[in-house]
Amino acid sequence: GDKELKSQLSIYSALGKERECLATLSHPNSSQFTASLFTRGTGTSAKQVVAMCGAPQPEIVVWNWDTKKTIKVVSMPAVANKIRCAPIPQFMLTTSGENGLRSWYNQGETLSNLNLIPPNKDTDPCIAEHVWMPSGNGLNKLAALSTVLAPGEGKRNNFRRQLLYILEGRDSTDKQTMEKTSAKSATGCPIGLEVRQTV
């Protein structure tokens, strides 16, 4: 008979000469895992891995490799190419790809998400890459690079270009800032990122 297709991810120990497989996640999805990362945090959240499935069934899978249990599976609105973990103790991810730049964070039993770069009729929302930049004092910075825009797209010119977005936001542990930006904190997102500059 037909075997059910599964995505698979294994965690290996890098200690010693022998590579020991500590755990393997087999996820029932016809798509393969395209990216994965260890989450930040302490305790049980320090032993979590986030894996991302591609087309035709894009999903984010949160898995505890110590208990070998799947914690959450969330469908994504479109395929993402990159996934990153925010530089804070709370659980927050960012993804980039066909559906722009999105943040993902715990909201009860699921992951909620926000579109971080507002749609613009003059530009393609596809983001090729993004990276968290070193920062401190509760301020967080993220840079995102768009895919190459077609000549003339967005502005009247004949050359190909890309847009670089610089986003900033304070994490929710900074009480003074969150009191000033209560609308952002109402979403439940640990960092209220906003586009500060587009180059």
C-alpha atoms as a PDB file:
ATOM      1  CA  GLY A   1       0.000   0.000   0.000  1.00  0.00           C
ATOM      2  CA  ASP A   2       0.859   3.683  -0.085  1.00  0.00           C
ATOM      3  CA  LYS A   3       3.157   4.856   2.671  1.00  0.00           C
ATOM      4  CA  GLU A   4       2.295   8.108   4.369  1.00  0.00           C
ATOM      5  CA  LEU A   5       4.884  10.756   3.479  1.00  0.00           C
ATOM      6  CA  LYS A   6       6.670  12.360   6.435  1.00  0.00           C
ATOM      7  CA  SER A   7       9.127  15.145   7.046  1.00  0.00           C
ATOM      8  CA  GLN A   8      12.004  14.115   9.278  1.00  0.00           C
ATOM      9  CA  LEU A   9      14.414  16.007  11.532  1.00  0.00           C
ATOM     10  CA  SER A  10      17.099  14.501  13.809  1.00  0.00           C
ATOM     11  CA  ILE A  11      19.090  15.989  16.698  1.00  0.00           C
ATOM     12  CA  TYR A  12      22.647  14.682  17.178  1.00  0.00           C
ATOM     13  CA  SER A  13      25.106  15.100  20.025  1.00  0.00           C
ATOM     14  CA  ALA A  14      28.355  16.772  18.957  1.00  0.00           C
ATOM     15  CA  LEU A  15      30.215  15.566  22.047  1.00  0.00           C
ATOM     16  CA  GLY A  16      32.842  12.867  21.661  1.00  0.00           C
ATOM     17  CA  LYS A  17      33.971  11.043  18.544  1.00  0.00           C
ATOM     18  CA  GLU A  18      30.724   9.206  17.904  1.00  0.00           C
ATOM     19  CA  ARG A  19      27.720  11.190  16.661  1.00  0.00           C
ATOM     20  CA  GLU A  20      24.813   9.975  18.775  1.00  0.00           C
ATOM     21  CA  CYS A  21      21.257  10.586  17.553  1.00  0.00           C
ATOM     22  CA  LEU A  22      19.385  12.033  20.554  1.00  0.00           C
ATOM     23  CA  ALA A  23      15.939  12.278  18.960  1.00  0.00           C
ATOM     24  CA  THR A  24      14.124  12.208  15.610  1.00  0.00           C
ATOM     25  CA  LEU A  25      10.936  14.048  14.705  1.00  0.00           C
ATOM     26  CA  SER A  26       8.755  12.412  12.038  1.00  0.00           C
ATOM     27  CA  HIS A  27       6.016  14.837  11.034  1.00  0.00           C
ATOM     28  CA  PRO A  28       3.084  13.746   8.823  1.00  0.00           C
ATOM     29  CA  ASN A  29       3.420  16.308   6.040  1.00  0.00           C
ATOM     30  CA  SER A  30       4.034  15.674   2.344  1.00  0.00           C
ATOM     31  CA  SER A  31       6.360  18.710   2.338  1.00  0.00           C
ATOM     32  CA  GLN A  32       9.954  18.451   3.503  1.00  0.00           C
ATOM     33  CA  PHE A  33      11.459  20.551   6.280  1.00  0.00           C
ATOM     34  CA  THR A  34      13.220  23.501   4.657  1.00  0.00           C
ATOM     35  CA  ALA A  35      14.689  25.132   7.775  1.00  0.00           C
ATOM     36  CA  SER A  36      15.044  24.557  11.504  1.00  0.00           C
ATOM     37  CA  LEU A  37      16.503  26.255  14.567  1.00  0.00           C
ATOM     38  CA  PHE A  38      16.862  25.825  18.310  1.00  0.00           C
ATOM     39  CA  THR A  39      14.750  28.271  20.328  1.00  0.00           C
ATOM     40  CA  ARG A  40      16.157  30.579  22.984  1.00  0.00           C
ATOM     41  CA  GLY A  41      15.152  30.397  26.607  1.00  0.00           C
ATOM     42  CA  THR A  42      15.680  28.335  29.712  1.00  0.00           C
ATOM     43  CA  GLY A  43      14.187  25.182  31.189  1.00  0.00           C
ATOM     44  CA  THR A  44      11.939  23.193  28.849  1.00  0.00           C
ATOM     45  CA  SER A  45      11.929  25.944  26.190  1.00  0.00           C
ATOM     46  CA  ALA A  46      15.721  25.514  25.887  1.00  0.00           C
ATOM     47  CA  LYS A  47      15.097  22.039  24.497  1.00  0.00           C
ATOM     48  CA  GLN A  48      12.766  23.122  21.709  1.00  0.00           C
ATOM     49  CA  VAL A  49      13.361  23.044  17.979  1.00  0.00           C
ATOM     50  CA  VAL A  50      11.280  24.897  15.421  1.00  0.00           C
ATOM     51  CA  ALA A  51      11.077  23.364  11.959  1.00  0.00           C
ATOM     52  CA  MET A  52       9.493  24.862   8.855  1.00  0.00           C
ATOM     53  CA  CYS A  53       7.829  22.877   6.048  1.00  0.00           C
ATOM     54  CA  GLY A  54       7.686  24.182   2.482  1.00  0.00           C
ATOM     55  CA  ALA A  55       5.087  23.827  -0.296  1.00  0.00           C
ATOM     56  CA  PRO A  56       2.499  22.462  -0.852  1.00  0.00           C
ATOM     57  CA  GLN A  57       1.664  22.483   2.881  1.00  0.00           C
ATOM     58  CA  PRO A  58       3.717  25.235   4.604  1.00  0.00           C
ATOM     59  CA  GLU A  59       3.759  24.817   8.380  1.00  0.00           C
ATOM     60  CA  ILE A  60       5.739  25.691  11.493  1.00  0.00           C
ATOM     61  CA  VAL A  61       6.327  22.774  13.880  1.00  0.00           C
ATOM     62  CA  VAL A  62       7.477  23.402  17.484  1.00  0.00           C
ATOM     63  CA  TRP A  63       9.005  20.242  18.965  1.00  0.00           C
ATOM     64  CA  ASN A  64      10.602  19.393  22.312  1.00  0.00           C
ATOM     65  CA  TRP A  65      13.506  17.093  21.441  1.00  0.00           C
ATOM     66  CA  ASP A  66      14.039  16.066  25.076  1.00  0.00           C
ATOM     67  CA  THR A  67      10.478  14.740  25.606  1.00  0.00           C
ATOM     68  CA  LYS A  68      10.122  13.888  21.884  1.00  0.00           C
ATOM     69  CA  LYS A  69       6.709  15.587  21.809  1.00  0.00           C
ATOM     70  CA  THR A  70       5.274  17.975  19.237  1.00  0.00           C
ATOM     71  CA  ILE A  71       4.145  21.118  21.058  1.00  0.00           C
ATOM     72  CA  LYS A  72       2.476  23.077  18.242  1.00  0.00           C
ATOM     73  CA  VAL A  73       1.805  22.815  14.517  1.00  0.00           C
ATOM     74  CA  VAL A  74       0.697  25.999  12.751  1.00  0.00           C
ATOM     75  CA  SER A  75      -0.187  26.495   9.079  1.00  0.00           C
ATOM     76  CA  MET A  76       1.513  29.413   7.334  1.00  0.00           C
ATOM     77  CA  PRO A  77      -0.337  31.597   4.781  1.00  0.00           C
ATOM     78  CA  ALA A  78       2.472  31.088   2.227  1.00  0.00           C
ATOM     79  CA  VAL A  79       5.894  29.501   1.858  1.00  0.00           C
ATOM     80  CA  ALA A  80       8.700  31.160   3.830  1.00  0.00           C
ATOM     81  CA  ASN A  81      12.391  30.868   2.925  1.00  0.00           C
ATOM     82  CA  LYS A  82      14.025  31.896   6.207  1.00  0.00           C
ATOM     83  CA  ILE A  83      13.195  31.553   9.896  1.00  0.00           C
ATOM     84  CA  ARG A  84      14.934  33.302  12.782  1.00  0.00           C
ATOM     85  CA  CYS A  85      14.555  33.386  16.578  1.00  0.00           C
ATOM     86  CA  ALA A  86      14.221  36.802  18.243  1.00  0.00           C
ATOM     87  CA  PRO A  87      17.093  37.679  20.643  1.00  0.00           C
ATOM     88  CA  ILE A  88      14.857  37.665  23.735  1.00  0.00           C
ATOM     89  CA  PRO A  89      13.954  35.019  26.350  1.00  0.00           C
ATOM     90  CA  GLN A  90      10.278  34.933  25.270  1.00  0.00           C
ATOM     91  CA  PHE A  91       9.242  32.724  22.348  1.00  0.00           C
ATOM     92  CA  MET A  92       9.191  34.818  19.162  1.00  0.00           C
ATOM     93  CA  LEU A  93      10.095  33.828  15.606  1.00  0.00           C
ATOM     94  CA  THR A  94      10.353  35.782  12.372  1.00  0.00           C
ATOM     95  CA  THR A  95       9.895  34.362   8.869  1.00  0.00           C
ATOM     96  CA  SER A  96      10.543  35.869   5.458  1.00  0.00           C
ATOM     97  CA  GLY A  97       9.525  34.808   1.972  1.00  0.00           C
ATOM     98  CA  GLU A  98       6.643  35.101  -0.497  1.00  0.00           C
ATOM     99  CA  ASN A  99       4.288  36.492   2.142  1.00  0.00           C
ATOM    100  CA  GLY A 100       6.635  39.220   3.342  1.00  0.00           C
ATOM    101  CA  LEU A 101       8.140  39.473   6.823  1.00  0.00           C
ATOM    102  CA  ARG A 102       6.100  38.044   9.704  1.00  0.00           C
ATOM    103  CA  SER A 103       6.543  37.653  13.450  1.00  0.00           C
ATOM    104  CA  TRP A 104       5.193  34.558  15.240  1.00  0.00           C
ATOM    105  CA  TYR A 105       4.573  34.386  18.991  1.00  0.00           C
ATOM    106  CA  ASN A 106       2.692  32.332  21.587  1.00  0.00           C
ATOM    107  CA  GLN A 107      -0.981  33.138  21.922  1.00  0.00           C
ATOM    108  CA  GLY A 108      -2.543  30.425  24.049  1.00  0.00           C
ATOM    109  CA  GLU A 109      -2.476  27.056  22.303  1.00  0.00           C
ATOM    110  CA  THR A 110      -1.406  28.423  18.928  1.00  0.00           C
ATOM    111  CA  LEU A 111       1.073  30.833  17.346  1.00  0.00           C
ATOM    112  CA  SER A 112      -0.265  34.224  16.291  1.00  0.00           C
ATOM    113  CA  ASN A 113       1.450  36.222  13.572  1.00  0.00           C
ATOM    114  CA  LEU A 114       1.791  39.809  12.423  1.00  0.00           C
ATOM    115  CA  ASN A 115       2.823  41.199   9.047  1.00  0.00           C
ATOM    116  CA  LEU A 116       5.795  43.439   9.918  1.00  0.00           C
ATOM    117  CA  ILE A 117       6.077  45.290   6.603  1.00  0.00           C
ATOM    118  CA  PRO A 118       2.786  46.887   5.577  1.00  0.00           C
ATOM    119  CA  PRO A 119       1.656  46.102   1.997  1.00  0.00           C
ATOM    120  CA  ASN A 120       2.593  48.749  -0.560  1.00  0.00           C
ATOM    121  CA  LYS A 121       1.064  48.914  -4.040  1.00  0.00           C
ATOM    122  CA  ASP A 122       4.411  50.034  -5.486  1.00  0.00           C
ATOM    123  CA  THR A 123       6.561  47.159  -4.232  1.00  0.00           C
ATOM    124  CA  ASP A 124       6.540  43.365  -4.078  1.00  0.00           C
ATOM    125  CA  PRO A 125       6.111  42.126  -0.486  1.00  0.00           C
ATOM    126  CA  CYS A 126       8.504  39.206  -1.028  1.00  0.00           C
ATOM    127  CA  ILE A 127      11.427  39.320   1.428  1.00  0.00           C
ATOM    128  CA  ALA A 128      14.564  37.395   0.417  1.00  0.00           C
ATOM    129  CA  GLU A 129      16.439  37.541   3.746  1.00  0.00           C
ATOM    130  CA  HIS A 130      16.254  39.003   7.227  1.00  0.00           C
ATOM    131  CA  VAL A 131      18.558  39.132  10.244  1.00  0.00           C
ATOM    132  CA  TRP A 132      18.394  40.346  13.842  1.00  0.00           C
ATOM    133  CA  MET A 133      21.089  42.952  14.578  1.00  0.00           C
ATOM    134  CA  PRO A 134      23.010  43.361  17.844  1.00  0.00           C
ATOM    135  CA  SER A 135      21.271  45.810  20.153  1.00  0.00           C
ATOM    136  CA  GLY A 136      20.682  46.349  23.856  1.00  0.00           C
ATOM    137  CA  ASN A 137      18.745  48.063  26.633  1.00  0.00           C
ATOM    138  CA  GLY A 138      15.481  46.433  25.524  1.00  0.00           C
ATOM    139  CA  LEU A 139      15.779  47.845  21.984  1.00  0.00           C
ATOM    140  CA  ASN A 140      15.702  45.258  19.186  1.00  0.00           C
ATOM    141  CA  LYS A 141      16.655  45.818  15.545  1.00  0.00           C
ATOM    142  CA  LEU A 142      15.987  43.732  12.469  1.00  0.00           C
ATOM    143  CA  ALA A 143      17.083  44.239   8.839  1.00  0.00           C
ATOM    144  CA  ALA A 144      15.094  42.742   5.935  1.00  0.00           C
ATOM    145  CA  LEU A 145      16.041  42.672   2.252  1.00  0.00           C
ATOM    146  CA  SER A 146      13.393  42.485  -0.476  1.00  0.00           C
ATOM    147  CA  THR A 147      13.724  40.366  -3.590  1.00  0.00           C
ATOM    148  CA  VAL A 148      14.961  42.182  -6.701  1.00  0.00           C
ATOM    149  CA  LEU A 149      12.287  44.556  -7.986  1.00  0.00           C
ATOM    150  CA  ALA A 150      11.636  44.635 -11.735  1.00  0.00           C
ATOM    151  CA  PRO A 151      13.078  47.662 -13.578  1.00  0.00           C
ATOM    152  CA  GLY A 152      10.820  50.638 -12.965  1.00  0.00           C
ATOM    153  CA  GLU A 153       8.788  48.862 -10.243  1.00  0.00           C
ATOM    154  CA  GLY A 154       8.107  51.190  -7.347  1.00  0.00           C
ATOM    155  CA  LYS A 155       9.833  54.181  -8.961  1.00  0.00           C
ATOM    156  CA  ARG A 156      10.306  55.525 -12.456  1.00  0.00           C
ATOM    157  CA  ASN A 157      13.692  54.117 -13.410  1.00  0.00           C
ATOM    158  CA  ASN A 158      15.227  51.469 -15.641  1.00  0.00           C
ATOM    159  CA  PHE A 159      17.473  49.603 -13.209  1.00  0.00           C
ATOM    160  CA  ARG A 160      16.882  46.651 -10.930  1.00  0.00           C
ATOM    161  CA  ARG A 161      16.977  47.337  -7.224  1.00  0.00           C
ATOM    162  CA  GLN A 162      16.211  45.862  -3.818  1.00  0.00           C
ATOM    163  CA  LEU A 163      14.774  47.498  -0.722  1.00  0.00           C
ATOM    164  CA  LEU A 164      16.426  47.287   2.693  1.00  0.00           C
ATOM    165  CA  TYR A 165      14.029  47.709   5.612  1.00  0.00           C
ATOM    166  CA  ILE A 166      15.293  48.574   9.102  1.00  0.00           C
ATOM    167  CA  LEU A 167      12.829  47.716  11.884  1.00  0.00           C
ATOM    168  CA  GLU A 168      13.070  48.610  15.570  1.00  0.00           C
ATOM    169  CA  GLY A 169      11.058  47.777  18.657  1.00  0.00           C
ATOM    170  CA  ARG A 170      11.285  47.366  22.404  1.00  0.00           C
ATOM    171  CA  ASP A 171      10.620  44.046  24.064  1.00  0.00           C
ATOM    172  CA  SER A 172       7.647  43.679  26.400  1.00  0.00           C
ATOM    173  CA  THR A 173       9.878  43.450  29.483  1.00  0.00           C
ATOM    174  CA  ASP A 174      10.615  47.179  29.061  1.00  0.00           C
ATOM    175  CA  LYS A 175       7.564  48.479  31.022  1.00  0.00           C
ATOM    176  CA  GLN A 176       8.118  52.208  30.329  1.00  0.00           C
ATOM    177  CA  THR A 177       8.127  51.695  26.573  1.00  0.00           C
ATOM    178  CA  MET A 178       5.192  49.288  26.575  1.00  0.00           C
ATOM    179  CA  GLU A 179       3.090  51.809  28.570  1.00  0.00           C
ATOM    180  CA  LYS A 180       3.726  54.390  25.843  1.00  0.00           C
ATOM    181  CA  THR A 181       2.885  51.915  23.074  1.00  0.00           C
ATOM    182  CA  SER A 182      -0.143  50.154  24.574  1.00  0.00           C
ATOM    183  CA  ALA A 183      -1.615  49.470  21.118  1.00  0.00           C
ATOM    184  CA  LYS A 184       1.367  47.283  20.241  1.00  0.00           C
ATOM    185  CA  SER A 185       1.358  45.444  23.565  1.00  0.00           C
ATOM    186  CA  ALA A 186      -2.339  44.636  23.098  1.00  0.00           C
ATOM    187  CA  THR A 187      -1.381  42.215  20.308  1.00  0.00           C
ATOM    188  CA  GLY A 188       0.571  40.065  22.750  1.00  0.00           C
ATOM    189  CA  CYS A 189       3.708  40.168  20.585  1.00  0.00           C
ATOM    190  CA  PRO A 190       6.877  40.253  22.753  1.00  0.00           C
ATOM    191  CA  ILE A 191       8.496  42.906  20.507  1.00  0.00           C
ATOM    192  CA  GLY A 192       6.453  45.656  18.846  1.00  0.00           C
ATOM    193  CA  LEU A 193       8.558  46.066  15.682  1.00  0.00           C
ATOM    194  CA  GLU A 194       7.960  48.997  13.329  1.00  0.00           C
ATOM    195  CA  VAL A 195       9.677  49.989  10.068  1.00  0.00           C
ATOM    196  CA  ARG A 196      11.973  52.918  10.898  1.00  0.00           C
ATOM    197  CA  GLN A 197      13.791  53.255   7.599  1.00  0.00           C
ATOM    198  CA  THR A 198      13.587  51.991   4.004  1.00  0.00           C
ATOM    199  CA  VAL A 199      16.668  52.298   1.809  1.00  0.00           C
END
